Amino acid sequence: MGRKRRIGLSVSSFLVLPEVLAVSEMIAVVPSRMAHSPALICVQEPPVEIQGFTKSMAWHERSHRDAAQQWLRELLHETSQREA
């Protein structure tokens, strides 16, 4: 098709995208569950192959052994494994 992906902006959170898209001519690649948000106007398949993205977790050493924190990290890990 002669098309290439050009990245014009990278954000640390998908939550800022609706505001960015509203004031620009950019398009965005988002997870499918987020694409059906009312703020995102038009959902289409990308014209080029899009690679996935990496999810990372980081926490302070003092919360490493906290039971609630351990439960949350395990839940997030299990969820990401199901999506893969």
PDB file of N, CA and C in Angstrom:
ATOM      1  N   MET A   1       0.819  -1.198   0.000  1.00  0.00           N
ATOM      2  CA  MET A   1       0.000   0.000   0.000  1.00  0.00           C
ATOM      3  C   MET A   1       0.860   1.258   0.000  1.00  0.00           C
ATOM      4  N   GLY A   2       2.150   1.113   0.283  1.00  0.00           N
ATOM      5  CA  GLY A   2       3.020   2.278   0.292  1.00  0.00           C
ATOM      6  C   GLY A   2       2.837   3.175   1.506  1.00  0.00           C
ATOM      7  N   ARG A   3       2.255   2.663   2.557  1.00  0.00           N
ATOM      8  CA  ARG A   3       2.035   3.466   3.767  1.00  0.00           C
ATOM      9  C   ARG A   3       2.997   3.041   4.862  1.00  0.00           C
ATOM     10  N   LYS A   4       3.402   3.996   5.664  1.00  0.00           N
ATOM     11  CA  LYS A   4       4.275   3.722   6.794  1.00  0.00           C
ATOM     12  C   LYS A   4       3.684   4.382   8.026  1.00  0.00           C
ATOM     13  N   ARG A   5       3.958   3.808   9.151  1.00  0.00           N
ATOM     14  CA  ARG A   5       3.524   4.380  10.417  1.00  0.00           C
ATOM     15  C   ARG A   5       4.501   5.470  10.825  1.00  0.00           C
ATOM     16  N   ARG A   6       3.984   6.655  11.129  1.00  0.00           N
ATOM     17  CA  ARG A   6       4.802   7.763  11.634  1.00  0.00           C
ATOM     18  C   ARG A   6       4.257   8.162  12.996  1.00  0.00           C
ATOM     19  N   ILE A   7       5.071   8.081  13.990  1.00  0.00           N
ATOM     20  CA  ILE A   7       4.644   8.417  15.353  1.00  0.00           C
ATOM     21  C   ILE A   7       4.912   9.892  15.593  1.00  0.00           C
ATOM     22  N   GLY A   8       3.839  10.642  15.837  1.00  0.00           N
ATOM     23  CA  GLY A   8       3.960  12.077  16.073  1.00  0.00           C
ATOM     24  C   GLY A   8       3.888  12.449  17.541  1.00  0.00           C
ATOM     25  N   LEU A   9       3.382  11.530  18.356  1.00  0.00           N
ATOM     26  CA  LEU A   9       3.225  11.807  19.777  1.00  0.00           C
ATOM     27  C   LEU A   9       3.136  10.481  20.512  1.00  0.00           C
ATOM     28  N   SER A  10       3.778  10.404  21.646  1.00  0.00           N
ATOM     29  CA  SER A  10       3.693   9.225  22.498  1.00  0.00           C
ATOM     30  C   SER A  10       3.239   9.701  23.872  1.00  0.00           C
ATOM     31  N   VAL A  11       2.230   9.057  24.430  1.00  0.00           N
ATOM     32  CA  VAL A  11       1.706   9.467  25.733  1.00  0.00           C
ATOM     33  C   VAL A  11       1.860   8.335  26.736  1.00  0.00           C
ATOM     34  N   SER A  12       1.952   8.688  28.001  1.00  0.00           N
ATOM     35  CA  SER A  12       2.122   7.673  29.042  1.00  0.00           C
ATOM     36  C   SER A  12       0.792   7.074  29.479  1.00  0.00           C
ATOM     37  N   SER A  13      -0.315   7.692  29.078  1.00  0.00           N
ATOM     38  CA  SER A  13      -1.634   7.186  29.453  1.00  0.00           C
ATOM     39  C   SER A  13      -2.611   7.415  28.305  1.00  0.00           C
ATOM     40  N   PHE A  14      -3.429   6.415  28.028  1.00  0.00           N
ATOM     41  CA  PHE A  14      -4.442   6.550  26.980  1.00  0.00           C
ATOM     42  C   PHE A  14      -5.508   7.570  27.352  1.00  0.00           C
ATOM     43  N   LEU A  15      -5.609   7.918  28.622  1.00  0.00           N
ATOM     44  CA  LEU A  15      -6.679   8.792  29.088  1.00  0.00           C
ATOM     45  C   LEU A  15      -6.591  10.209  28.527  1.00  0.00           C
ATOM     46  N   VAL A  16      -5.416  10.635  28.088  1.00  0.00           N
ATOM     47  CA  VAL A  16      -5.276  11.982  27.532  1.00  0.00           C
ATOM     48  C   VAL A  16      -5.623  12.042  26.041  1.00  0.00           C
ATOM     49  N   LEU A  17      -5.763  10.898  25.406  1.00  0.00           N
ATOM     50  CA  LEU A  17      -5.981  10.877  23.958  1.00  0.00           C
ATOM     51  C   LEU A  17      -7.234  11.603  23.480  1.00  0.00           C
ATOM     52  N   PRO A  18      -8.387  11.444  24.127  1.00  0.00           N
ATOM     53  CA  PRO A  18      -9.561  12.162  23.611  1.00  0.00           C
ATOM     54  C   PRO A  18      -9.330  13.664  23.482  1.00  0.00           C
ATOM     55  N   GLU A  19      -8.648  14.264  24.435  1.00  0.00           N
ATOM     56  CA  GLU A  19      -8.370  15.701  24.370  1.00  0.00           C
ATOM     57  C   GLU A  19      -7.397  16.029  23.244  1.00  0.00           C
ATOM     58  N   VAL A  20      -6.379  15.211  23.075  1.00  0.00           N
ATOM     59  CA  VAL A  20      -5.400  15.431  22.001  1.00  0.00           C
ATOM     60  C   VAL A  20      -6.069  15.294  20.643  1.00  0.00           C
ATOM     61  N   LEU A  21      -6.868  14.260  20.476  1.00  0.00           N
ATOM     62  CA  LEU A  21      -7.518  14.015  19.189  1.00  0.00           C
ATOM     63  C   LEU A  21      -8.536  15.099  18.848  1.00  0.00           C
ATOM     64  N   ALA A  22      -9.159  15.670  19.861  1.00  0.00           N
ATOM     65  CA  ALA A  22     -10.175  16.700  19.629  1.00  0.00           C
ATOM     66  C   ALA A  22      -9.585  17.980  19.048  1.00  0.00           C
ATOM     67  N   VAL A  23      -8.306  18.259  19.305  1.00  0.00           N
ATOM     68  CA  VAL A  23      -7.706  19.506  18.847  1.00  0.00           C
ATOM     69  C   VAL A  23      -6.610  19.296  17.799  1.00  0.00           C
ATOM     70  N   SER A  24      -6.558  18.109  17.206  1.00  0.00           N
ATOM     71  CA  SER A  24      -5.522  17.841  16.205  1.00  0.00           C
ATOM     72  C   SER A  24      -6.104  16.991  15.079  1.00  0.00           C
ATOM     73  N   GLU A  25      -5.275  16.745  14.083  1.00  0.00           N
ATOM     74  CA  GLU A  25      -5.657  15.858  12.985  1.00  0.00           C
ATOM     75  C   GLU A  25      -4.995  14.493  13.133  1.00  0.00           C
ATOM     76  N   MET A  26      -4.536  14.188  14.328  1.00  0.00           N
ATOM     77  CA  MET A  26      -3.861  12.922  14.587  1.00  0.00           C
ATOM     78  C   MET A  26      -4.872  11.788  14.697  1.00  0.00           C
ATOM     79  N   ILE A  27      -4.358  10.585  14.522  1.00  0.00           N
ATOM     80  CA  ILE A  27      -5.125   9.380  14.800  1.00  0.00           C
ATOM     81  C   ILE A  27      -4.394   8.639  15.909  1.00  0.00           C
ATOM     82  N   ALA A  28      -5.056   7.689  16.536  1.00  0.00           N
ATOM     83  CA  ALA A  28      -4.435   6.990  17.654  1.00  0.00           C
ATOM     84  C   ALA A  28      -4.689   5.498  17.554  1.00  0.00           C
ATOM     85  N   VAL A  29      -3.743   4.738  18.057  1.00  0.00           N
ATOM     86  CA  VAL A  29      -3.882   3.296  18.191  1.00  0.00           C
ATOM     87  C   VAL A  29      -4.113   3.033  19.673  1.00  0.00           C
ATOM     88  N   VAL A  30      -5.253   2.417  19.985  1.00  0.00           N
ATOM     89  CA  VAL A  30      -5.615   2.153  21.377  1.00  0.00           C
ATOM     90  C   VAL A  30      -6.100   0.718  21.509  1.00  0.00           C
ATOM     91  N   PRO A  31      -6.101   0.177  22.727  1.00  0.00           N
ATOM     92  CA  PRO A  31      -6.664  -1.165  22.927  1.00  0.00           C
ATOM     93  C   PRO A  31      -8.135  -1.182  22.520  1.00  0.00           C
ATOM     94  N   SER A  32      -8.598  -2.293  21.984  1.00  0.00           N
ATOM     95  CA  SER A  32      -9.966  -2.360  21.451  1.00  0.00           C
ATOM     96  C   SER A  32     -11.020  -2.028  22.493  1.00  0.00           C
ATOM     97  N   ARG A  33     -10.799  -2.409  23.758  1.00  0.00           N
ATOM     98  CA  ARG A  33     -11.821  -2.118  24.772  1.00  0.00           C
ATOM     99  C   ARG A  33     -11.966  -0.625  25.024  1.00  0.00           C
ATOM    100  N   MET A  34     -10.936   0.149  24.716  1.00  0.00           N
ATOM    101  CA  MET A  34     -11.005   1.593  24.904  1.00  0.00           C
ATOM    102  C   MET A  34     -11.537   2.307  23.665  1.00  0.00           C
ATOM    103  N   ALA A  35     -11.442   1.683  22.535  1.00  0.00           N
ATOM    104  CA  ALA A  35     -11.820   2.330  21.286  1.00  0.00           C
ATOM    105  C   ALA A  35     -13.310   2.616  21.197  1.00  0.00           C
ATOM    106  N   HIS A  36     -14.100   1.969  21.995  1.00  0.00           N
ATOM    107  CA  HIS A  36     -15.540   2.168  21.917  1.00  0.00           C
ATOM    108  C   HIS A  36     -16.039   3.193  22.922  1.00  0.00           C
ATOM    109  N   SER A  37     -15.110   3.968  23.461  1.00  0.00           N
ATOM    110  CA  SER A  37     -15.461   5.079  24.338  1.00  0.00           C
ATOM    111  C   SER A  37     -16.191   6.131  23.506  1.00  0.00           C
ATOM    112  N   PRO A  38     -17.211   6.782  24.065  1.00  0.00           N
ATOM    113  CA  PRO A  38     -17.939   7.800  23.296  1.00  0.00           C
ATOM    114  C   PRO A  38     -17.050   8.954  22.837  1.00  0.00           C
ATOM    115  N   ALA A  39     -15.945   9.188  23.523  1.00  0.00           N
ATOM    116  CA  ALA A  39     -15.070  10.308  23.160  1.00  0.00           C
ATOM    117  C   ALA A  39     -14.321  10.042  21.858  1.00  0.00           C
ATOM    118  N   LEU A  40     -14.087   8.785  21.532  1.00  0.00           N
ATOM    119  CA  LEU A  40     -13.385   8.459  20.291  1.00  0.00           C
ATOM    120  C   LEU A  40     -14.433   8.307  19.194  1.00  0.00           C
ATOM    121  N   ILE A  41     -14.364   9.135  18.211  1.00  0.00           N
ATOM    122  CA  ILE A  41     -15.449   9.284  17.247  1.00  0.00           C
ATOM    123  C   ILE A  41     -15.541   8.163  16.223  1.00  0.00           C
ATOM    124  N   CYS A  42     -14.440   7.797  15.616  1.00  0.00           N
ATOM    125  CA  CYS A  42     -14.474   6.851  14.501  1.00  0.00           C
ATOM    126  C   CYS A  42     -13.488   5.713  14.758  1.00  0.00           C
ATOM    127  N   VAL A  43     -13.974   4.484  14.701  1.00  0.00           N
ATOM    128  CA  VAL A  43     -13.121   3.312  14.933  1.00  0.00           C
ATOM    129  C   VAL A  43     -12.947   2.575  13.607  1.00  0.00           C
ATOM    130  N   GLN A  44     -11.680   2.376  13.208  1.00  0.00           N
ATOM    131  CA  GLN A  44     -11.365   1.663  11.969  1.00  0.00           C
ATOM    132  C   GLN A  44     -10.167   0.765  12.199  1.00  0.00           C
ATOM    133  N   GLU A  45     -10.040  -0.242  11.359  1.00  0.00           N
ATOM    134  CA  GLU A  45      -8.848  -1.083  11.390  1.00  0.00           C
ATOM    135  C   GLU A  45      -7.673  -0.264  10.863  1.00  0.00           C
ATOM    136  N   PRO A  46      -6.489  -0.419  11.432  1.00  0.00           N
ATOM    137  CA  PRO A  46      -5.332   0.349  10.938  1.00  0.00           C
ATOM    138  C   PRO A  46      -4.920  -0.110   9.540  1.00  0.00           C
ATOM    139  N   PRO A  47      -4.440   0.816   8.727  1.00  0.00           N
ATOM    140  CA  PRO A  47      -4.047   0.467   7.351  1.00  0.00           C
ATOM    141  C   PRO A  47      -2.693  -0.233   7.271  1.00  0.00           C
ATOM    142  N   VAL A  48      -1.958  -0.291   8.379  1.00  0.00           N
ATOM    143  CA  VAL A  48      -0.679  -0.985   8.441  1.00  0.00           C
ATOM    144  C   VAL A  48      -0.681  -1.862   9.680  1.00  0.00           C
ATOM    145  N   GLU A  49       0.213  -2.847   9.709  1.00  0.00           N
ATOM    146  CA  GLU A  49       0.309  -3.724  10.876  1.00  0.00           C
ATOM    147  C   GLU A  49       0.862  -2.949  12.069  1.00  0.00           C
ATOM    148  N   ILE A  50       0.217  -3.118  13.211  1.00  0.00           N
ATOM    149  CA  ILE A  50       0.619  -2.424  14.428  1.00  0.00           C
ATOM    150  C   ILE A  50       1.107  -3.456  15.435  1.00  0.00           C
ATOM    151  N   GLN A  51       2.307  -3.255  15.933  1.00  0.00           N
ATOM    152  CA  GLN A  51       2.829  -4.144  16.966  1.00  0.00           C
ATOM    153  C   GLN A  51       2.179  -3.787  18.291  1.00  0.00           C
ATOM    154  N   GLY A  52       2.158  -4.734  19.197  1.00  0.00           N
ATOM    155  CA  GLY A  52       1.590  -4.499  20.516  1.00  0.00           C
ATOM    156  C   GLY A  52       2.446  -3.555  21.340  1.00  0.00           C
ATOM    157  N   PHE A  53       2.135  -3.453  22.603  1.00  0.00           N
ATOM    158  CA  PHE A  53       2.906  -2.602  23.480  1.00  0.00           C
ATOM    159  C   PHE A  53       3.196  -3.345  24.773  1.00  0.00           C
ATOM    160  N   THR A  54       4.182  -2.874  25.496  1.00  0.00           N
ATOM    161  CA  THR A  54       4.611  -3.513  26.730  1.00  0.00           C
ATOM    162  C   THR A  54       3.972  -2.828  27.924  1.00  0.00           C
ATOM    163  N   LYS A  55       3.483  -3.627  28.846  1.00  0.00           N
ATOM    164  CA  LYS A  55       2.958  -3.093  30.102  1.00  0.00           C
ATOM    165  C   LYS A  55       4.000  -3.364  31.180  1.00  0.00           C
ATOM    166  N   SER A  56       4.226  -2.392  32.031  1.00  0.00           N
ATOM    167  CA  SER A  56       5.207  -2.535  33.099  1.00  0.00           C
ATOM    168  C   SER A  56       4.589  -2.142  34.429  1.00  0.00           C
ATOM    169  N   MET A  57       5.089  -2.756  35.496  1.00  0.00           N
ATOM    170  CA  MET A  57       4.672  -2.390  36.840  1.00  0.00           C
ATOM    171  C   MET A  57       5.913  -1.987  37.623  1.00  0.00           C
ATOM    172  N   ALA A  58       5.747  -1.008  38.495  1.00  0.00           N
ATOM    173  CA  ALA A  58       6.837  -0.592  39.378  1.00  0.00           C
ATOM    174  C   ALA A  58       6.227  -0.218  40.719  1.00  0.00           C
ATOM    175  N   TRP A  59       6.941  -0.538  41.779  1.00  0.00           N
ATOM    176  CA  TRP A  59       6.444  -0.205  43.109  1.00  0.00           C
ATOM    177  C   TRP A  59       7.625   0.021  44.034  1.00  0.00           C
ATOM    178  N   HIS A  60       7.341   0.711  45.120  1.00  0.00           N
ATOM    179  CA  HIS A  60       8.379   1.014  46.100  1.00  0.00           C
ATOM    180  C   HIS A  60       8.662  -0.229  46.933  1.00  0.00           C
ATOM    181  N   GLU A  61       9.897  -0.373  47.351  1.00  0.00           N
ATOM    182  CA  GLU A  61      10.311  -1.545  48.128  1.00  0.00           C
ATOM    183  C   GLU A  61       9.491  -1.712  49.414  1.00  0.00           C
ATOM    184  N   ARG A  62       9.084  -0.609  50.026  1.00  0.00           N
ATOM    185  CA  ARG A  62       8.357  -0.728  51.294  1.00  0.00           C
ATOM    186  C   ARG A  62       6.961  -1.331  51.116  1.00  0.00           C
ATOM    187  N   SER A  63       6.409  -1.317  49.889  1.00  0.00           N
ATOM    188  CA  SER A  63       5.101  -1.949  49.661  1.00  0.00           C
ATOM    189  C   SER A  63       5.229  -3.343  49.044  1.00  0.00           C
ATOM    190  N   HIS A  64       6.466  -3.816  48.896  1.00  0.00           N
ATOM    191  CA  HIS A  64       6.701  -5.102  48.235  1.00  0.00           C
ATOM    192  C   HIS A  64       6.013  -6.263  48.958  1.00  0.00           C
ATOM    193  N   ARG A  65       6.012  -6.253  50.279  1.00  0.00           N
ATOM    194  CA  ARG A  65       5.428  -7.352  51.053  1.00  0.00           C
ATOM    195  C   ARG A  65       4.003  -7.069  51.520  1.00  0.00           C
ATOM    196  N   ASP A  66       3.458  -5.919  51.197  1.00  0.00           N
ATOM    197  CA  ASP A  66       2.095  -5.586  51.589  1.00  0.00           C
ATOM    198  C   ASP A  66       1.107  -6.520  50.885  1.00  0.00           C
ATOM    199  N   ALA A  67       0.241  -7.165  51.664  1.00  0.00           N
ATOM    200  CA  ALA A  67      -0.669  -8.180  51.116  1.00  0.00           C
ATOM    201  C   ALA A  67      -1.597  -7.600  50.042  1.00  0.00           C
ATOM    202  N   ALA A  68      -2.119  -6.419  50.280  1.00  0.00           N
ATOM    203  CA  ALA A  68      -3.023  -5.802  49.295  1.00  0.00           C
ATOM    204  C   ALA A  68      -2.278  -5.478  48.007  1.00  0.00           C
ATOM    205  N   GLN A  69      -1.066  -4.965  48.145  1.00  0.00           N
ATOM    206  CA  GLN A  69      -0.260  -4.661  46.968  1.00  0.00           C
ATOM    207  C   GLN A  69       0.105  -5.932  46.199  1.00  0.00           C
ATOM    208  N   GLN A  70       0.453  -6.989  46.919  1.00  0.00           N
ATOM    209  CA  GLN A  70       0.770  -8.264  46.262  1.00  0.00           C
ATOM    210  C   GLN A  70      -0.437  -8.792  45.512  1.00  0.00           C
ATOM    211  N   TRP A  71      -1.617  -8.706  46.137  1.00  0.00           N
ATOM    212  CA  TRP A  71      -2.852  -9.179  45.488  1.00  0.00           C
ATOM    213  C   TRP A  71      -3.097  -8.395  44.207  1.00  0.00           C
ATOM    214  N   LEU A  72      -2.964  -7.072  44.273  1.00  0.00           N
ATOM    215  CA  LEU A  72      -3.207  -6.231  43.101  1.00  0.00           C
ATOM    216  C   LEU A  72      -2.212  -6.538  41.985  1.00  0.00           C
ATOM    217  N   ARG A  73      -0.939  -6.672  42.320  1.00  0.00           N
ATOM    218  CA  ARG A  73       0.061  -6.984  41.294  1.00  0.00           C
ATOM    219  C   ARG A  73      -0.220  -8.332  40.641  1.00  0.00           C
ATOM    220  N   GLU A  74      -0.595  -9.326  41.441  1.00  0.00           N
ATOM    221  CA  GLU A  74      -0.912 -10.644  40.887  1.00  0.00           C
ATOM    222  C   GLU A  74      -2.137 -10.577  39.979  1.00  0.00           C
ATOM    223  N   LEU A  75      -3.154  -9.827  40.404  1.00  0.00           N
ATOM    224  CA  LEU A  75      -4.359  -9.663  39.584  1.00  0.00           C
ATOM    225  C   LEU A  75      -4.026  -9.007  38.247  1.00  0.00           C
ATOM    226  N   LEU A  76      -3.223  -7.961  38.284  1.00  0.00           N
ATOM    227  CA  LEU A  76      -2.819  -7.294  37.046  1.00  0.00           C
ATOM    228  C   LEU A  76      -2.007  -8.236  36.155  1.00  0.00           C
ATOM    229  N   HIS A  77      -1.133  -9.020  36.754  1.00  0.00           N
ATOM    230  CA  HIS A  77      -0.328  -9.971  35.989  1.00  0.00           C
ATOM    231  C   HIS A  77      -1.227 -11.026  35.325  1.00  0.00           C
ATOM    232  N   GLU A  78      -2.173 -11.585  36.079  1.00  0.00           N
ATOM    233  CA  GLU A  78      -3.100 -12.589  35.525  1.00  0.00           C
ATOM    234  C   GLU A  78      -3.930 -11.997  34.395  1.00  0.00           C
ATOM    235  N   THR A  79      -4.395 -10.780  34.571  1.00  0.00           N
ATOM    236  CA  THR A  79      -5.202 -10.136  33.543  1.00  0.00           C
ATOM    237  C   THR A  79      -4.410  -9.941  32.264  1.00  0.00           C
ATOM    238  N   SER A  80      -3.167  -9.506  32.391  1.00  0.00           N
ATOM    239  CA  SER A  80      -2.354  -9.285  31.200  1.00  0.00           C
ATOM    240  C   SER A  80      -2.033 -10.596  30.497  1.00  0.00           C
ATOM    241  N   GLN A  81      -1.921 -11.699  31.241  1.00  0.00           N
ATOM    242  CA  GLN A  81      -1.659 -12.997  30.631  1.00  0.00           C
ATOM    243  C   GLN A  81      -2.864 -13.479  29.839  1.00  0.00           C
ATOM    244  N   ARG A  82      -4.062 -13.204  30.314  1.00  0.00           N
ATOM    245  CA  ARG A  82      -5.285 -13.608  29.599  1.00  0.00           C
ATOM    246  C   ARG A  82      -5.440 -12.848  28.307  1.00  0.00           C
ATOM    247  N   GLU A  83      -5.010 -11.574  28.279  1.00  0.00           N
ATOM    248  CA  GLU A  83      -5.146 -10.746  27.071  1.00  0.00           C
ATOM    249  C   GLU A  83      -4.135 -11.116  26.013  1.00  0.00           C
ATOM    250  N   ALA A  84      -3.029 -11.706  26.404  1.00  0.00           N
ATOM    251  CA  ALA A  84      -1.943 -12.010  25.461  1.00  0.00           C
ATOM    252  C   ALA A  84      -2.298 -13.149  24.526  1.00  0.00           C
TER     253      ALA A  84
END
